[in-house]
Amino acid sequence: MSYPLRVVWLAYEVAENSEIRVVMSVSKKKLRHAVDRNRVKRLLRETYRLNKRDLRRKIIIQGLSLSIVFIWIPNEVLNYAKVEKKMKEALNKLEKIILEKDNTLGISGNVLK
């Protein structure tokens, strides 16, 4: 958890190509208007795109594939700077957890806390 984001992930070993699959989830219950939901998803995608390099490099080195779901928690749209800061925190936490579990691959679904 890295408020305003909850990150759920699944890592697994692969024989050939490492890949990272990402889903951005914004609940209709939290943000009623489609304009707001789309804005938040755009913010999440852009902040992830700009900050994914380190995670991608480490995943490739370890021969893993990764599936990540970013779930939006608050009932409001936040500004870009705050979303980017929290995305960086979430990705750093995820890197640390995956590196710690380096020796116990075959990791099942996990929730980043």
PDB file of N, CA and C in Angstrom:
ATOM      1  N   MET A   1       0.849  -1.177   0.000  1.00  0.00           N
ATOM      2  CA  MET A   1       0.000   0.000   0.000  1.00  0.00           C
ATOM      3  C   MET A   1       0.893   1.238   0.000  1.00  0.00           C
ATOM      4  N   SER A   2       0.639   2.094  -0.911  1.00  0.00           N
ATOM      5  CA  SER A   2       1.330   3.376  -0.974  1.00  0.00           C
ATOM      6  C   SER A   2       0.256   4.393  -1.337  1.00  0.00           C
ATOM      7  N   TYR A   3      -0.500   4.826  -0.310  1.00  0.00           N
ATOM      8  CA  TYR A   3      -1.663   5.670  -0.546  1.00  0.00           C
ATOM      9  C   TYR A   3      -1.309   6.768  -1.516  1.00  0.00           C
ATOM     10  N   PRO A   4      -2.027   6.976  -2.558  1.00  0.00           N
ATOM     11  CA  PRO A   4      -3.378   6.573  -2.917  1.00  0.00           C
ATOM     12  C   PRO A   4      -3.453   5.282  -3.732  1.00  0.00           C
ATOM     13  N   LEU A   5      -2.409   4.477  -3.722  1.00  0.00           N
ATOM     14  CA  LEU A   5      -2.402   3.259  -4.536  1.00  0.00           C
ATOM     15  C   LEU A   5      -2.323   2.009  -3.673  1.00  0.00           C
ATOM     16  N   ARG A   6      -3.006   0.982  -4.107  1.00  0.00           N
ATOM     17  CA  ARG A   6      -2.793  -0.369  -3.594  1.00  0.00           C
ATOM     18  C   ARG A   6      -2.220  -1.143  -4.781  1.00  0.00           C
ATOM     19  N   VAL A   7      -1.163  -1.894  -4.508  1.00  0.00           N
ATOM     20  CA  VAL A   7      -0.492  -2.627  -5.575  1.00  0.00           C
ATOM     21  C   VAL A   7      -0.610  -4.113  -5.287  1.00  0.00           C
ATOM     22  N   VAL A   8      -1.169  -4.845  -6.233  1.00  0.00           N
ATOM     23  CA  VAL A   8      -1.256  -6.300  -6.142  1.00  0.00           C
ATOM     24  C   VAL A   8      -0.404  -6.846  -7.273  1.00  0.00           C
ATOM     25  N   TRP A   9       0.425  -7.851  -6.979  1.00  0.00           N
ATOM     26  CA  TRP A   9       1.345  -8.332  -8.001  1.00  0.00           C
ATOM     27  C   TRP A   9       1.526  -9.839  -7.942  1.00  0.00           C
ATOM     28  N   LEU A  10       1.995 -10.358  -9.055  1.00  0.00           N
ATOM     29  CA  LEU A  10       2.288 -11.776  -9.198  1.00  0.00           C
ATOM     30  C   LEU A  10       3.579 -11.886 -10.002  1.00  0.00           C
ATOM     31  N   ALA A  11       4.578 -12.578  -9.442  1.00  0.00           N
ATOM     32  CA  ALA A  11       5.853 -12.761 -10.131  1.00  0.00           C
ATOM     33  C   ALA A  11       6.059 -14.245 -10.365  1.00  0.00           C
ATOM     34  N   TYR A  12       6.611 -14.586 -11.516  1.00  0.00           N
ATOM     35  CA  TYR A  12       6.862 -15.986 -11.828  1.00  0.00           C
ATOM     36  C   TYR A  12       8.056 -16.088 -12.770  1.00  0.00           C
ATOM     37  N   GLU A  13       8.725 -17.231 -12.704  1.00  0.00           N
ATOM     38  CA  GLU A  13       9.896 -17.468 -13.549  1.00  0.00           C
ATOM     39  C   GLU A  13       9.461 -17.732 -14.983  1.00  0.00           C
ATOM     40  N   VAL A  14      10.309 -17.311 -15.916  1.00  0.00           N
ATOM     41  CA  VAL A  14      10.067 -17.587 -17.332  1.00  0.00           C
ATOM     42  C   VAL A  14      11.350 -18.117 -17.958  1.00  0.00           C
ATOM     43  N   ALA A  15      11.186 -18.915 -18.982  1.00  0.00           N
ATOM     44  CA  ALA A  15      12.344 -19.501 -19.648  1.00  0.00           C
ATOM     45  C   ALA A  15      12.968 -18.526 -20.643  1.00  0.00           C
ATOM     46  N   GLU A  16      12.146 -17.760 -21.336  1.00  0.00           N
ATOM     47  CA  GLU A  16      12.685 -16.920 -22.410  1.00  0.00           C
ATOM     48  C   GLU A  16      12.559 -15.429 -22.125  1.00  0.00           C
ATOM     49  N   ASN A  17      11.455 -14.832 -22.495  1.00  0.00           N
ATOM     50  CA  ASN A  17      11.309 -13.384 -22.430  1.00  0.00           C
ATOM     51  C   ASN A  17      10.617 -12.940 -21.144  1.00  0.00           C
ATOM     52  N   SER A  18      11.247 -12.011 -20.439  1.00  0.00           N
ATOM     53  CA  SER A  18      10.628 -11.403 -19.266  1.00  0.00           C
ATOM     54  C   SER A  18       9.678 -10.319 -19.747  1.00  0.00           C
ATOM     55  N   GLU A  19       8.581 -10.176 -19.037  1.00  0.00           N
ATOM     56  CA  GLU A  19       7.645  -9.113 -19.381  1.00  0.00           C
ATOM     57  C   GLU A  19       6.955  -8.627 -18.124  1.00  0.00           C
ATOM     58  N   ILE A  20       6.447  -7.405 -18.204  1.00  0.00           N
ATOM     59  CA  ILE A  20       5.671  -6.839 -17.113  1.00  0.00           C
ATOM     60  C   ILE A  20       4.318  -6.456 -17.692  1.00  0.00           C
ATOM     61  N   ARG A  21       3.259  -7.012 -17.117  1.00  0.00           N
ATOM     62  CA  ARG A  21       1.901  -6.654 -17.518  1.00  0.00           C
ATOM     63  C   ARG A  21       1.299  -5.785 -16.425  1.00  0.00           C
ATOM     64  N   VAL A  22       0.640  -4.700 -16.825  1.00  0.00           N
ATOM     65  CA  VAL A  22       0.139  -3.723 -15.864  1.00  0.00           C
ATOM     66  C   VAL A  22      -1.330  -3.430 -16.124  1.00  0.00           C
ATOM     67  N   VAL A  23      -2.097  -3.316 -15.028  1.00  0.00           N
ATOM     68  CA  VAL A  23      -3.508  -2.933 -15.102  1.00  0.00           C
ATOM     69  C   VAL A  23      -3.718  -1.764 -14.147  1.00  0.00           C
ATOM     70  N   MET A  24      -4.447  -0.757 -14.589  1.00  0.00           N
ATOM     71  CA  MET A  24      -4.803   0.385 -13.750  1.00  0.00           C
ATOM     72  C   MET A  24      -6.297   0.285 -13.460  1.00  0.00           C
ATOM     73  N   SER A  25      -6.658   0.228 -12.190  1.00  0.00           N
ATOM     74  CA  SER A  25      -8.052   0.051 -11.819  1.00  0.00           C
ATOM     75  C   SER A  25      -8.549   1.239 -10.995  1.00  0.00           C
ATOM     76  N   VAL A  26      -9.636   1.852 -11.466  1.00  0.00           N
ATOM     77  CA  VAL A  26     -10.264   2.959 -10.748  1.00  0.00           C
ATOM     78  C   VAL A  26     -11.750   2.626 -10.636  1.00  0.00           C
ATOM     79  N   SER A  27     -12.231   2.517  -9.422  1.00  0.00           N
ATOM     80  CA  SER A  27     -13.598   2.085  -9.173  1.00  0.00           C
ATOM     81  C   SER A  27     -14.627   3.163  -9.510  1.00  0.00           C
ATOM     82  N   LYS A  28     -15.708   2.720 -10.111  1.00  0.00           N
ATOM     83  CA  LYS A  28     -16.816   3.618 -10.415  1.00  0.00           C
ATOM     84  C   LYS A  28     -17.485   4.085  -9.118  1.00  0.00           C
ATOM     85  N   LYS A  29     -17.372   3.276  -8.107  1.00  0.00           N
ATOM     86  CA  LYS A  29     -17.938   3.630  -6.805  1.00  0.00           C
ATOM     87  C   LYS A  29     -17.166   4.790  -6.172  1.00  0.00           C
ATOM     88  N   LYS A  30     -15.857   4.830  -6.401  1.00  0.00           N
ATOM     89  CA  LYS A  30     -15.023   5.889  -5.830  1.00  0.00           C
ATOM     90  C   LYS A  30     -15.122   7.189  -6.625  1.00  0.00           C
ATOM     91  N   LEU A  31     -15.025   7.083  -7.946  1.00  0.00           N
ATOM     92  CA  LEU A  31     -15.100   8.257  -8.818  1.00  0.00           C
ATOM     93  C   LEU A  31     -16.272   8.066  -9.779  1.00  0.00           C
ATOM     94  N   ARG A  32     -17.333   8.787  -9.542  1.00  0.00           N
ATOM     95  CA  ARG A  32     -18.583   8.598 -10.290  1.00  0.00           C
ATOM     96  C   ARG A  32     -18.481   8.970 -11.761  1.00  0.00           C
ATOM     97  N   HIS A  33     -17.761  10.037 -12.042  1.00  0.00           N
ATOM     98  CA  HIS A  33     -17.729  10.553 -13.413  1.00  0.00           C
ATOM     99  C   HIS A  33     -16.622   9.887 -14.225  1.00  0.00           C
ATOM    100  N   ALA A  34     -16.975   9.468 -15.424  1.00  0.00           N
ATOM    101  CA  ALA A  34     -16.007   8.797 -16.299  1.00  0.00           C
ATOM    102  C   ALA A  34     -14.810   9.694 -16.599  1.00  0.00           C
ATOM    103  N   VAL A  35     -15.042  10.994 -16.677  1.00  0.00           N
ATOM    104  CA  VAL A  35     -13.959  11.941 -16.946  1.00  0.00           C
ATOM    105  C   VAL A  35     -12.898  11.841 -15.849  1.00  0.00           C
ATOM    106  N   ASP A  36     -13.346  11.762 -14.604  1.00  0.00           N
ATOM    107  CA  ASP A  36     -12.412  11.657 -13.478  1.00  0.00           C
ATOM    108  C   ASP A  36     -11.680  10.319 -13.482  1.00  0.00           C
ATOM    109  N   ARG A  37     -12.400   9.238 -13.745  1.00  0.00           N
ATOM    110  CA  ARG A  37     -11.763   7.918 -13.799  1.00  0.00           C
ATOM    111  C   ARG A  37     -10.712   7.870 -14.899  1.00  0.00           C
ATOM    112  N   ASN A  38     -11.044   8.400 -16.060  1.00  0.00           N
ATOM    113  CA  ASN A  38     -10.099   8.412 -17.181  1.00  0.00           C
ATOM    114  C   ASN A  38      -8.884   9.281 -16.868  1.00  0.00           C
ATOM    115  N   ARG A  39      -9.102  10.398 -16.209  1.00  0.00           N
ATOM    116  CA  ARG A  39      -7.996  11.287 -15.820  1.00  0.00           C
ATOM    117  C   ARG A  39      -7.032  10.551 -14.889  1.00  0.00           C
ATOM    118  N   VAL A  40      -7.573   9.860 -13.886  1.00  0.00           N
ATOM    119  CA  VAL A  40      -6.735   9.129 -12.934  1.00  0.00           C
ATOM    120  C   VAL A  40      -5.976   8.011 -13.645  1.00  0.00           C
ATOM    121  N   LYS A  41      -6.643   7.283 -14.530  1.00  0.00           N
ATOM    122  CA  LYS A  41      -5.957   6.211 -15.260  1.00  0.00           C
ATOM    123  C   LYS A  41      -4.836   6.761 -16.133  1.00  0.00           C
ATOM    124  N   ARG A  42      -5.070   7.934 -16.740  1.00  0.00           N
ATOM    125  CA  ARG A  42      -4.019   8.576 -17.546  1.00  0.00           C
ATOM    126  C   ARG A  42      -2.836   8.965 -16.665  1.00  0.00           C
ATOM    127  N   LEU A  43      -3.129   9.532 -15.486  1.00  0.00           N
ATOM    128  CA  LEU A  43      -2.067   9.901 -14.548  1.00  0.00           C
ATOM    129  C   LEU A  43      -1.256   8.671 -14.128  1.00  0.00           C
ATOM    130  N   LEU A  44      -1.951   7.585 -13.802  1.00  0.00           N
ATOM    131  CA  LEU A  44      -1.271   6.363 -13.379  1.00  0.00           C
ATOM    132  C   LEU A  44      -0.402   5.784 -14.485  1.00  0.00           C
ATOM    133  N   ARG A  45      -0.951   5.730 -15.696  1.00  0.00           N
ATOM    134  CA  ARG A  45      -0.179   5.185 -16.818  1.00  0.00           C
ATOM    135  C   ARG A  45       1.068   6.021 -17.092  1.00  0.00           C
ATOM    136  N   GLU A  46       0.924   7.333 -17.056  1.00  0.00           N
ATOM    137  CA  GLU A  46       2.054   8.209 -17.356  1.00  0.00           C
ATOM    138  C   GLU A  46       3.121   8.114 -16.263  1.00  0.00           C
ATOM    139  N   THR A  47       2.738   8.124 -15.015  1.00  0.00           N
ATOM    140  CA  THR A  47       3.729   8.037 -13.943  1.00  0.00           C
ATOM    141  C   THR A  47       4.409   6.673 -13.949  1.00  0.00           C
ATOM    142  N   TYR A  48       3.677   5.624 -14.275  1.00  0.00           N
ATOM    143  CA  TYR A  48       4.300   4.298 -14.384  1.00  0.00           C
ATOM    144  C   TYR A  48       5.285   4.273 -15.556  1.00  0.00           C
ATOM    145  N   ARG A  49       4.871   4.798 -16.695  1.00  0.00           N
ATOM    146  CA  ARG A  49       5.718   4.798 -17.895  1.00  0.00           C
ATOM    147  C   ARG A  49       7.048   5.500 -17.628  1.00  0.00           C
ATOM    148  N   LEU A  50       7.017   6.604 -16.907  1.00  0.00           N
ATOM    149  CA  LEU A  50       8.226   7.383 -16.659  1.00  0.00           C
ATOM    150  C   LEU A  50       9.127   6.772 -15.591  1.00  0.00           C
ATOM    151  N   ASN A  51       8.609   5.858 -14.775  1.00  0.00           N
ATOM    152  CA  ASN A  51       9.380   5.352 -13.640  1.00  0.00           C
ATOM    153  C   ASN A  51       9.592   3.847 -13.643  1.00  0.00           C
ATOM    154  N   LYS A  52       9.307   3.176 -14.728  1.00  0.00           N
ATOM    155  CA  LYS A  52       9.364   1.716 -14.763  1.00  0.00           C
ATOM    156  C   LYS A  52      10.748   1.145 -15.079  1.00  0.00           C
ATOM    157  N   ARG A  53      11.681   1.954 -15.501  1.00  0.00           N
ATOM    158  CA  ARG A  53      12.953   1.451 -16.025  1.00  0.00           C
ATOM    159  C   ARG A  53      13.723   0.566 -15.044  1.00  0.00           C
ATOM    160  N   ASP A  54      13.884   1.011 -13.795  1.00  0.00           N
ATOM    161  CA  ASP A  54      14.652   0.233 -12.815  1.00  0.00           C
ATOM    162  C   ASP A  54      13.989  -1.110 -12.545  1.00  0.00           C
ATOM    163  N   LEU A  55      12.686  -1.097 -12.372  1.00  0.00           N
ATOM    164  CA  LEU A  55      11.963  -2.344 -12.125  1.00  0.00           C
ATOM    165  C   LEU A  55      12.124  -3.292 -13.306  1.00  0.00           C
ATOM    166  N   ARG A  56      11.968  -2.793 -14.496  1.00  0.00           N
ATOM    167  CA  ARG A  56      12.091  -3.627 -15.698  1.00  0.00           C
ATOM    168  C   ARG A  56      13.484  -4.249 -15.798  1.00  0.00           C
ATOM    169  N   ARG A  57      14.508  -3.450 -15.554  1.00  0.00           N
ATOM    170  CA  ARG A  57      15.882  -3.941 -15.614  1.00  0.00           C
ATOM    171  C   ARG A  57      16.101  -5.082 -14.614  1.00  0.00           C
ATOM    172  N   LYS A  58      15.618  -4.924 -13.401  1.00  0.00           N
ATOM    173  CA  LYS A  58      15.818  -5.948 -12.369  1.00  0.00           C
ATOM    174  C   LYS A  58      15.027  -7.218 -12.664  1.00  0.00           C
ATOM    175  N   ILE A  59      13.840  -7.060 -13.237  1.00  0.00           N
ATOM    176  CA  ILE A  59      13.021  -8.214 -13.594  1.00  0.00           C
ATOM    177  C   ILE A  59      13.712  -9.031 -14.694  1.00  0.00           C
ATOM    178  N   ILE A  60      14.266  -8.348 -15.683  1.00  0.00           N
ATOM    179  CA  ILE A  60      14.956  -9.036 -16.783  1.00  0.00           C
ATOM    180  C   ILE A  60      16.187  -9.773 -16.273  1.00  0.00           C
ATOM    181  N   ILE A  61      16.960  -9.130 -15.403  1.00  0.00           N
ATOM    182  CA  ILE A  61      18.163  -9.756 -14.853  1.00  0.00           C
ATOM    183  C   ILE A  61      17.818 -11.044 -14.105  1.00  0.00           C
ATOM    184  N   GLN A  62      16.717 -11.027 -13.371  1.00  0.00           N
ATOM    185  CA  GLN A  62      16.335 -12.194 -12.568  1.00  0.00           C
ATOM    186  C   GLN A  62      15.567 -13.240 -13.366  1.00  0.00           C
ATOM    187  N   GLY A  63      15.196 -12.941 -14.602  1.00  0.00           N
ATOM    188  CA  GLY A  63      14.470 -13.903 -15.425  1.00  0.00           C
ATOM    189  C   GLY A  63      13.051 -14.130 -14.954  1.00  0.00           C
ATOM    190  N   LEU A  64      12.388 -13.054 -14.554  1.00  0.00           N
ATOM    191  CA  LEU A  64      11.020 -13.139 -14.066  1.00  0.00           C
ATOM    192  C   LEU A  64      10.066 -12.446 -15.027  1.00  0.00           C
ATOM    193  N   SER A  65       8.799 -12.802 -14.908  1.00  0.00           N
ATOM    194  CA  SER A  65       7.723 -12.021 -15.500  1.00  0.00           C
ATOM    195  C   SER A  65       6.877 -11.522 -14.350  1.00  0.00           C
ATOM    196  N   LEU A  66       6.226 -10.407 -14.555  1.00  0.00           N
ATOM    197  CA  LEU A  66       5.521  -9.759 -13.467  1.00  0.00           C
ATOM    198  C   LEU A  66       4.183  -9.243 -13.967  1.00  0.00           C
ATOM    199  N   SER A  67       3.141  -9.480 -13.185  1.00  0.00           N
ATOM    200  CA  SER A  67       1.820  -8.901 -13.445  1.00  0.00           C
ATOM    201  C   SER A  67       1.501  -7.984 -12.277  1.00  0.00           C
ATOM    202  N   ILE A  68       1.138  -6.746 -12.580  1.00  0.00           N
ATOM    203  CA  ILE A  68       0.887  -5.754 -11.535  1.00  0.00           C
ATOM    204  C   ILE A  68      -0.484  -5.134 -11.754  1.00  0.00           C
ATOM    205  N   VAL A  69      -1.223  -4.927 -10.651  1.00  0.00           N
ATOM    206  CA  VAL A  69      -2.486  -4.191 -10.690  1.00  0.00           C
ATOM    207  C   VAL A  69      -2.356  -3.011  -9.738  1.00  0.00           C
ATOM    208  N   PHE A  70      -2.548  -1.812 -10.266  1.00  0.00           N
ATOM    209  CA  PHE A  70      -2.573  -0.604  -9.453  1.00  0.00           C
ATOM    210  C   PHE A  70      -4.033  -0.247  -9.212  1.00  0.00           C
ATOM    211  N   ILE A  71      -4.444  -0.219  -7.947  1.00  0.00           N
ATOM    212  CA  ILE A  71      -5.832   0.070  -7.587  1.00  0.00           C
ATOM    213  C   ILE A  71      -5.878   1.437  -6.918  1.00  0.00           C
ATOM    214  N   TRP A  72      -6.728   2.309  -7.438  1.00  0.00           N
ATOM    215  CA  TRP A  72      -6.882   3.674  -6.923  1.00  0.00           C
ATOM    216  C   TRP A  72      -7.773   3.644  -5.691  1.00  0.00           C
ATOM    217  N   ILE A  73      -7.338   4.252  -4.582  1.00  0.00           N
ATOM    218  CA  ILE A  73      -8.056   4.200  -3.317  1.00  0.00           C
ATOM    219  C   ILE A  73      -8.951   5.428  -3.046  1.00  0.00           C
ATOM    220  N   PRO A  74      -8.467   6.680  -3.197  1.00  0.00           N
ATOM    221  CA  PRO A  74      -9.262   7.837  -2.753  1.00  0.00           C
ATOM    222  C   PRO A  74     -10.489   8.127  -3.614  1.00  0.00           C
ATOM    223  N   ASN A  75     -11.328   8.988  -3.075  1.00  0.00           N
ATOM    224  CA  ASN A  75     -12.565   9.395  -3.752  1.00  0.00           C
ATOM    225  C   ASN A  75     -12.372  10.678  -4.553  1.00  0.00           C
ATOM    226  N   GLU A  76     -11.143  11.052  -4.828  1.00  0.00           N
ATOM    227  CA  GLU A  76     -10.874  12.314  -5.512  1.00  0.00           C
ATOM    228  C   GLU A  76      -9.694  12.162  -6.468  1.00  0.00           C
ATOM    229  N   VAL A  77      -9.590  13.098  -7.378  1.00  0.00           N
ATOM    230  CA  VAL A  77      -8.471  13.133  -8.320  1.00  0.00           C
ATOM    231  C   VAL A  77      -7.365  13.953  -7.666  1.00  0.00           C
ATOM    232  N   LEU A  78      -6.162  13.398  -7.591  1.00  0.00           N
ATOM    233  CA  LEU A  78      -5.030  14.111  -7.001  1.00  0.00           C
ATOM    234  C   LEU A  78      -4.160  14.699  -8.099  1.00  0.00           C
ATOM    235  N   ASN A  79      -3.291  15.625  -7.714  1.00  0.00           N
ATOM    236  CA  ASN A  79      -2.439  16.263  -8.719  1.00  0.00           C
ATOM    237  C   ASN A  79      -1.306  15.334  -9.152  1.00  0.00           C
ATOM    238  N   TYR A  80      -0.695  15.671 -10.269  1.00  0.00           N
ATOM    239  CA  TYR A  80       0.327  14.833 -10.891  1.00  0.00           C
ATOM    240  C   TYR A  80       1.519  14.596  -9.964  1.00  0.00           C
ATOM    241  N   ALA A  81       1.982  15.646  -9.296  1.00  0.00           N
ATOM    242  CA  ALA A  81       3.177  15.535  -8.457  1.00  0.00           C
ATOM    243  C   ALA A  81       2.980  14.505  -7.347  1.00  0.00           C
ATOM    244  N   LYS A  82       1.839  14.522  -6.713  1.00  0.00           N
ATOM    245  CA  LYS A  82       1.579  13.568  -5.629  1.00  0.00           C
ATOM    246  C   LYS A  82       1.470  12.142  -6.171  1.00  0.00           C
ATOM    247  N   VAL A  83       0.792  11.973  -7.288  1.00  0.00           N
ATOM    248  CA  VAL A  83       0.640  10.641  -7.883  1.00  0.00           C
ATOM    249  C   VAL A  83       2.005  10.103  -8.304  1.00  0.00           C
ATOM    250  N   GLU A  84       2.839  10.946  -8.891  1.00  0.00           N
ATOM    251  CA  GLU A  84       4.162  10.492  -9.318  1.00  0.00           C
ATOM    252  C   GLU A  84       5.019  10.088  -8.119  1.00  0.00           C
ATOM    253  N   LYS A  85       4.988  10.873  -7.062  1.00  0.00           N
ATOM    254  CA  LYS A  85       5.764  10.562  -5.865  1.00  0.00           C
ATOM    255  C   LYS A  85       5.351   9.204  -5.292  1.00  0.00           C
ATOM    256  N   LYS A  86       4.052   8.958  -5.223  1.00  0.00           N
ATOM    257  CA  LYS A  86       3.555   7.709  -4.660  1.00  0.00           C
ATOM    258  C   LYS A  86       3.807   6.527  -5.592  1.00  0.00           C
ATOM    259  N   MET A  87       3.783   6.756  -6.887  1.00  0.00           N
ATOM    260  CA  MET A  87       4.099   5.687  -7.842  1.00  0.00           C
ATOM    261  C   MET A  87       5.556   5.275  -7.674  1.00  0.00           C
ATOM    262  N   LYS A  88       6.452   6.244  -7.523  1.00  0.00           N
ATOM    263  CA  LYS A  88       7.865   5.932  -7.306  1.00  0.00           C
ATOM    264  C   LYS A  88       8.034   5.107  -6.034  1.00  0.00           C
ATOM    265  N   GLU A  89       7.353   5.506  -4.964  1.00  0.00           N
ATOM    266  CA  GLU A  89       7.426   4.763  -3.702  1.00  0.00           C
ATOM    267  C   GLU A  89       6.937   3.330  -3.885  1.00  0.00           C
ATOM    268  N   ALA A  90       5.819   3.180  -4.561  1.00  0.00           N
ATOM    269  CA  ALA A  90       5.247   1.846  -4.764  1.00  0.00           C
ATOM    270  C   ALA A  90       6.187   0.967  -5.586  1.00  0.00           C
ATOM    271  N   LEU A  91       6.769   1.506  -6.642  1.00  0.00           N
ATOM    272  CA  LEU A  91       7.684   0.725  -7.473  1.00  0.00           C
ATOM    273  C   LEU A  91       8.964   0.364  -6.714  1.00  0.00           C
ATOM    274  N   ASN A  92       9.453   1.281  -5.884  1.00  0.00           N
ATOM    275  CA  ASN A  92      10.638   0.977  -5.071  1.00  0.00           C
ATOM    276  C   ASN A  92      10.348  -0.131  -4.069  1.00  0.00           C
ATOM    277  N   LYS A  93       9.183  -0.080  -3.423  1.00  0.00           N
ATOM    278  CA  LYS A  93       8.802  -1.136  -2.488  1.00  0.00           C
ATOM    279  C   LYS A  93       8.696  -2.475  -3.207  1.00  0.00           C
ATOM    280  N   LEU A  94       8.112  -2.451  -4.375  1.00  0.00           N
ATOM    281  CA  LEU A  94       7.951  -3.679  -5.155  1.00  0.00           C
ATOM    282  C   LEU A  94       9.313  -4.262  -5.532  1.00  0.00           C
ATOM    283  N   GLU A  95      10.244  -3.413  -5.959  1.00  0.00           N
ATOM    284  CA  GLU A  95      11.596  -3.880  -6.284  1.00  0.00           C
ATOM    285  C   GLU A  95      12.247  -4.552  -5.088  1.00  0.00           C
ATOM    286  N   LYS A  96      12.152  -3.915  -3.926  1.00  0.00           N
ATOM    287  CA  LYS A  96      12.765  -4.474  -2.719  1.00  0.00           C
ATOM    288  C   LYS A  96      12.165  -5.826  -2.362  1.00  0.00           C
ATOM    289  N   ILE A  97      10.856  -5.941  -2.451  1.00  0.00           N
ATOM    290  CA  ILE A  97      10.197  -7.202  -2.110  1.00  0.00           C
ATOM    291  C   ILE A  97      10.617  -8.299  -3.081  1.00  0.00           C
ATOM    292  N   ILE A  98      10.659  -7.989  -4.352  1.00  0.00           N
ATOM    293  CA  ILE A  98      11.035  -8.997  -5.347  1.00  0.00           C
ATOM    294  C   ILE A  98      12.495  -9.404  -5.174  1.00  0.00           C
ATOM    295  N   LEU A  99      13.372  -8.460  -4.875  1.00  0.00           N
ATOM    296  CA  LEU A  99      14.778  -8.789  -4.654  1.00  0.00           C
ATOM    297  C   LEU A  99      14.964  -9.636  -3.402  1.00  0.00           C
ATOM    298  N   GLU A 100      14.181  -9.387  -2.361  1.00  0.00           N
ATOM    299  CA  GLU A 100      14.251 -10.189  -1.137  1.00  0.00           C
ATOM    300  C   GLU A 100      13.805 -11.620  -1.400  1.00  0.00           C
ATOM    301  N   LYS A 101      12.803 -11.787  -2.247  1.00  0.00           N
ATOM    302  CA  LYS A 101      12.273 -13.109  -2.545  1.00  0.00           C
ATOM    303  C   LYS A 101      13.031 -13.773  -3.681  1.00  0.00           C
ATOM    304  N   ASP A 102      14.178 -13.203  -4.025  1.00  0.00           N
ATOM    305  CA  ASP A 102      15.001 -13.696  -5.127  1.00  0.00           C
ATOM    306  C   ASP A 102      15.263 -15.197  -5.022  1.00  0.00           C
ATOM    307  N   ASN A 103      15.565 -15.670  -3.831  1.00  0.00           N
ATOM    308  CA  ASN A 103      15.914 -17.074  -3.675  1.00  0.00           C
ATOM    309  C   ASN A 103      14.701 -17.988  -3.575  1.00  0.00           C
ATOM    310  N   THR A 104      13.514 -17.438  -3.431  1.00  0.00           N
ATOM    311  CA  THR A 104      12.305 -18.278  -3.343  1.00  0.00           C
ATOM    312  C   THR A 104      11.387 -17.978  -4.505  1.00  0.00           C
ATOM    313  N   LEU A 105      11.879 -18.176  -5.707  1.00  0.00           N
ATOM    314  CA  LEU A 105      11.074 -17.891  -6.890  1.00  0.00           C
ATOM    315  C   LEU A 105       9.942 -18.881  -7.010  1.00  0.00           C
ATOM    316  N   GLY A 106       9.032 -18.609  -7.904  1.00  0.00           N
ATOM    317  CA  GLY A 106       7.804 -19.378  -7.952  1.00  0.00           C
ATOM    318  C   GLY A 106       6.817 -18.711  -7.004  1.00  0.00           C
ATOM    319  N   ILE A 107       6.986 -17.403  -6.856  1.00  0.00           N
ATOM    320  CA  ILE A 107       6.206 -16.602  -5.929  1.00  0.00           C
ATOM    321  C   ILE A 107       4.753 -16.586  -6.392  1.00  0.00           C
ATOM    322  N   SER A 108       3.854 -16.739  -5.473  1.00  0.00           N
ATOM    323  CA  SER A 108       2.431 -16.670  -5.829  1.00  0.00           C
ATOM    324  C   SER A 108       1.965 -15.226  -5.683  1.00  0.00           C
ATOM    325  N   GLY A 109       0.658 -15.004  -5.851  1.00  0.00           N
ATOM    326  CA  GLY A 109       0.111 -13.664  -5.773  1.00  0.00           C
ATOM    327  C   GLY A 109       0.409 -13.013  -4.448  1.00  0.00           C
ATOM    328  N   ASN A 110       0.786 -11.761  -4.463  1.00  0.00           N
ATOM    329  CA  ASN A 110       1.153 -11.043  -3.267  1.00  0.00           C
ATOM    330  C   ASN A 110       0.545  -9.666  -3.292  1.00  0.00           C
ATOM    331  N   VAL A 111       0.341  -9.112  -2.103  1.00  0.00           N
ATOM    332  CA  VAL A 111      -0.118  -7.745  -1.975  1.00  0.00           C
ATOM    333  C   VAL A 111       1.036  -6.938  -1.399  1.00  0.00           C
ATOM    334  N   LEU A 112       1.390  -5.855  -2.067  1.00  0.00           N
ATOM    335  CA  LEU A 112       2.466  -4.992  -1.604  1.00  0.00           C
ATOM    336  C   LEU A 112       1.950  -4.172  -0.445  1.00  0.00           C
ATOM    337  N   LYS A 113       2.611  -4.248   0.694  1.00  0.00           N
ATOM    338  CA  LYS A 113       2.195  -3.459   1.878  1.00  0.00           C
ATOM    339  C   LYS A 113       3.331  -2.618   2.376  1.00  0.00           C
TER     340      LYS A 113
END
